[in-house]
Amino acid sequence: MDVFELYARAREVYEAVKDDYYRVGIRFENKDRAVGEVCEWSRHNPDREDERDFPEFDSAEYASLPLLDGTSAWDLRLLDDDYLPGFGETRRLTWIKPGNDVRNYTVAQHCYIIAGNDPGRHDDPDEGEILIRDAVVIAKLF
């Protein structure tokens, strides 16, 4: 699946559920999840230089980070033909080659659409980041 196919599928899922959930986001992570699974709340790493730079999940360093008020995701309301939430500082289509596997552009092993009706609070979110309390996996994209 290339990046364009991934976001076309994300857009399809979002359009199908946007009236059922207050918050819908795309989430990249290494943990293998099943549709219907409720996600743990995310950790915050405000001192990093790159928003994708995080310690290994389940490590002591990760566990020492402050707990956020919900599960972090990229807001799918922002997805348009020229903006790909979740691709670091450069989210524009100009640097992505059609046909290249999406895994060439992300370090995460999995990508999900998560949703919920209870927004979390975050005092210092990354651009396009949202928090969802009791977020449920509604689609697994890879």
Protein backbone atom coordinates (compact mmCIF):
# COMPACT_ATOMS: atom_id res chain seq x y z
CA MET A 1 0.00 0.00 0.00
CA ASP A 2 1.47 3.37 -0.94
CA VAL A 3 0.92 6.64 0.93
CA PHE A 4 -1.81 7.79 -1.44
CA GLU A 5 -3.74 4.53 -1.03
CA LEU A 6 -3.35 4.76 2.76
CA TYR A 7 -4.82 8.24 2.92
CA ALA A 8 -7.56 7.42 0.42
CA ARG A 9 -8.58 4.55 2.72
CA ALA A 10 -8.32 6.83 5.79
CA ARG A 11 -10.57 9.35 4.07
CA GLU A 12 -13.12 6.61 3.25
CA VAL A 13 -13.21 5.44 6.86
CA TYR A 14 -13.45 9.00 8.16
CA GLU A 15 -16.33 9.88 5.83
CA ALA A 16 -18.20 6.72 6.87
CA VAL A 17 -17.93 7.43 10.62
CA LYS A 18 -17.56 11.20 11.05
CA ASP A 19 -21.19 11.63 12.11
CA ASP A 20 -20.90 8.82 14.69
CA TYR A 21 -17.84 10.10 16.59
CA TYR A 22 -16.78 13.47 17.95
CA ARG A 23 -13.10 12.71 17.28
CA VAL A 24 -11.56 10.54 14.57
CA GLY A 25 -7.82 10.27 14.06
CA ILE A 26 -5.10 8.33 12.35
CA ARG A 27 -2.53 6.72 14.63
CA PHE A 28 0.85 5.19 13.76
CA GLU A 29 2.44 2.85 16.30
CA ASN A 30 4.34 -0.40 16.71
CA LYS A 31 1.81 -2.20 18.87
CA ASP A 32 -0.32 -4.71 16.97
CA ARG A 33 -3.98 -3.98 17.73
CA ALA A 34 -7.34 -5.44 16.71
CA VAL A 35 -10.42 -3.57 15.51
CA GLY A 36 -12.58 -2.89 18.57
CA GLU A 37 -9.63 -2.66 20.97
CA VAL A 38 -9.56 0.30 23.38
CA CYS A 39 -6.23 2.14 23.31
CA GLU A 40 -4.11 3.08 26.31
CA TRP A 41 -3.51 6.75 27.00
CA SER A 42 -0.44 8.21 25.36
CA ARG A 43 2.72 9.61 26.90
CA HIS A 44 4.10 13.10 26.31
CA ASN A 45 7.68 13.87 25.26
CA PRO A 46 7.82 17.67 25.04
CA ASP A 47 11.63 17.94 24.89
CA ARG A 48 12.13 16.08 21.61
CA GLU A 49 13.32 17.81 18.42
CA ASP A 50 11.22 15.69 16.04
CA GLU A 51 7.58 14.88 16.91
CA ARG A 52 8.14 11.27 15.83
CA ASP A 53 11.08 10.76 18.22
CA PHE A 54 9.94 8.68 21.20
CA PRO A 55 11.56 6.11 23.44
CA GLU A 56 10.71 2.45 22.83
CA PHE A 57 7.22 1.50 24.03
CA ASP A 58 7.32 -0.47 27.31
CA SER A 59 10.82 0.81 28.12
CA ALA A 60 11.65 2.43 31.47
CA GLU A 61 12.32 5.71 29.64
CA TYR A 62 8.87 5.58 28.03
CA ALA A 63 7.18 4.77 31.35
CA SER A 64 8.84 7.81 32.96
CA LEU A 65 7.20 10.24 30.50
CA PRO A 66 4.11 12.16 31.67
CA LEU A 67 0.76 10.50 30.91
CA LEU A 68 -1.54 12.47 28.61
CA ASP A 69 -5.31 12.77 29.01
CA GLY A 70 -6.21 10.30 26.24
CA THR A 71 -4.78 8.56 23.19
CA SER A 72 -2.88 10.72 20.74
CA ALA A 73 -3.79 10.73 17.04
CA TRP A 74 -3.64 12.99 14.00
CA ASP A 75 -6.95 14.74 13.37
CA LEU A 76 -8.53 13.37 10.18
CA ARG A 77 -10.64 16.52 9.81
CA LEU A 78 -7.42 18.14 8.54
CA LEU A 79 -6.80 15.57 5.81
CA ASP A 80 -7.08 17.08 2.35
CA ASP A 81 -5.50 16.59 -1.06
CA ASP A 82 -2.32 18.39 -0.01
CA TYR A 83 -1.93 17.54 3.69
CA LEU A 84 -1.02 14.20 5.24
CA PRO A 85 -1.35 14.30 9.04
CA GLY A 86 1.21 12.18 10.82
CA PHE A 87 4.21 12.55 8.52
CA GLY A 88 6.46 14.71 10.68
CA GLU A 89 7.35 18.29 9.88
CA THR A 90 6.96 17.76 6.13
CA ARG A 91 3.46 16.53 5.37
CA ARG A 92 3.15 17.76 1.80
CA LEU A 93 2.70 15.45 -1.17
CA THR A 94 5.60 16.91 -3.18
CA TRP A 95 8.26 14.71 -1.55
CA ILE A 96 6.33 11.41 -1.72
CA LYS A 97 6.84 9.10 -4.67
CA PRO A 98 3.70 7.28 -5.88
CA GLY A 99 3.98 3.51 -5.67
CA ASN A 100 6.48 3.46 -2.79
CA ASP A 101 5.28 1.44 0.17
CA VAL A 102 4.02 3.62 3.00
CA ARG A 103 6.42 1.85 5.36
CA ASN A 104 9.27 3.64 3.55
CA TYR A 105 7.99 6.88 5.07
CA THR A 106 7.22 5.86 8.65
CA VAL A 107 9.04 3.99 11.39
CA ALA A 108 5.76 2.60 12.78
CA GLN A 109 4.84 -0.99 12.05
CA HIS A 110 1.08 -0.33 12.13
CA CYS A 111 -1.47 2.34 11.31
CA TYR A 112 -5.00 2.60 12.70
CA ILE A 113 -8.03 4.81 12.58
CA ILE A 114 -9.17 5.44 16.14
CA ALA A 115 -12.29 7.23 17.29
CA GLY A 116 -14.21 8.31 20.36
CA ASN A 117 -16.61 10.88 21.72
CA ASP A 118 -14.67 12.13 24.73
CA PRO A 119 -11.83 14.52 23.83
CA GLY A 120 -8.76 14.58 25.98
CA ARG A 121 -6.91 17.74 26.92
CA HIS A 122 -3.37 18.56 25.84
CA ASP A 123 -1.64 21.84 26.74
CA ASP A 124 1.04 21.53 24.11
CA PRO A 125 -0.10 19.39 21.14
CA ASP A 126 1.85 18.97 17.94
CA GLU A 127 0.31 20.51 14.84
CA GLY A 128 -2.81 18.48 13.99
CA GLU A 129 -2.61 16.31 17.12
CA ILE A 130 -5.76 15.41 19.05
CA LEU A 131 -6.40 13.33 22.15
CA ILE A 132 -9.25 10.87 22.47
CA ARG A 133 -10.27 9.33 25.78
CA ASP A 134 -11.36 5.69 25.53
CA ALA A 135 -10.31 5.64 21.87
CA VAL A 136 -11.38 2.55 19.98
CA VAL A 137 -9.63 1.10 16.94
CA ILE A 138 -12.21 1.26 14.15
CA ALA A 139 -9.91 0.30 11.25
CA LYS A 140 -6.47 -1.22 10.79
CA LEU A 141 -4.78 0.17 7.69
CA PHE A 142 -1.50 -1.79 7.97
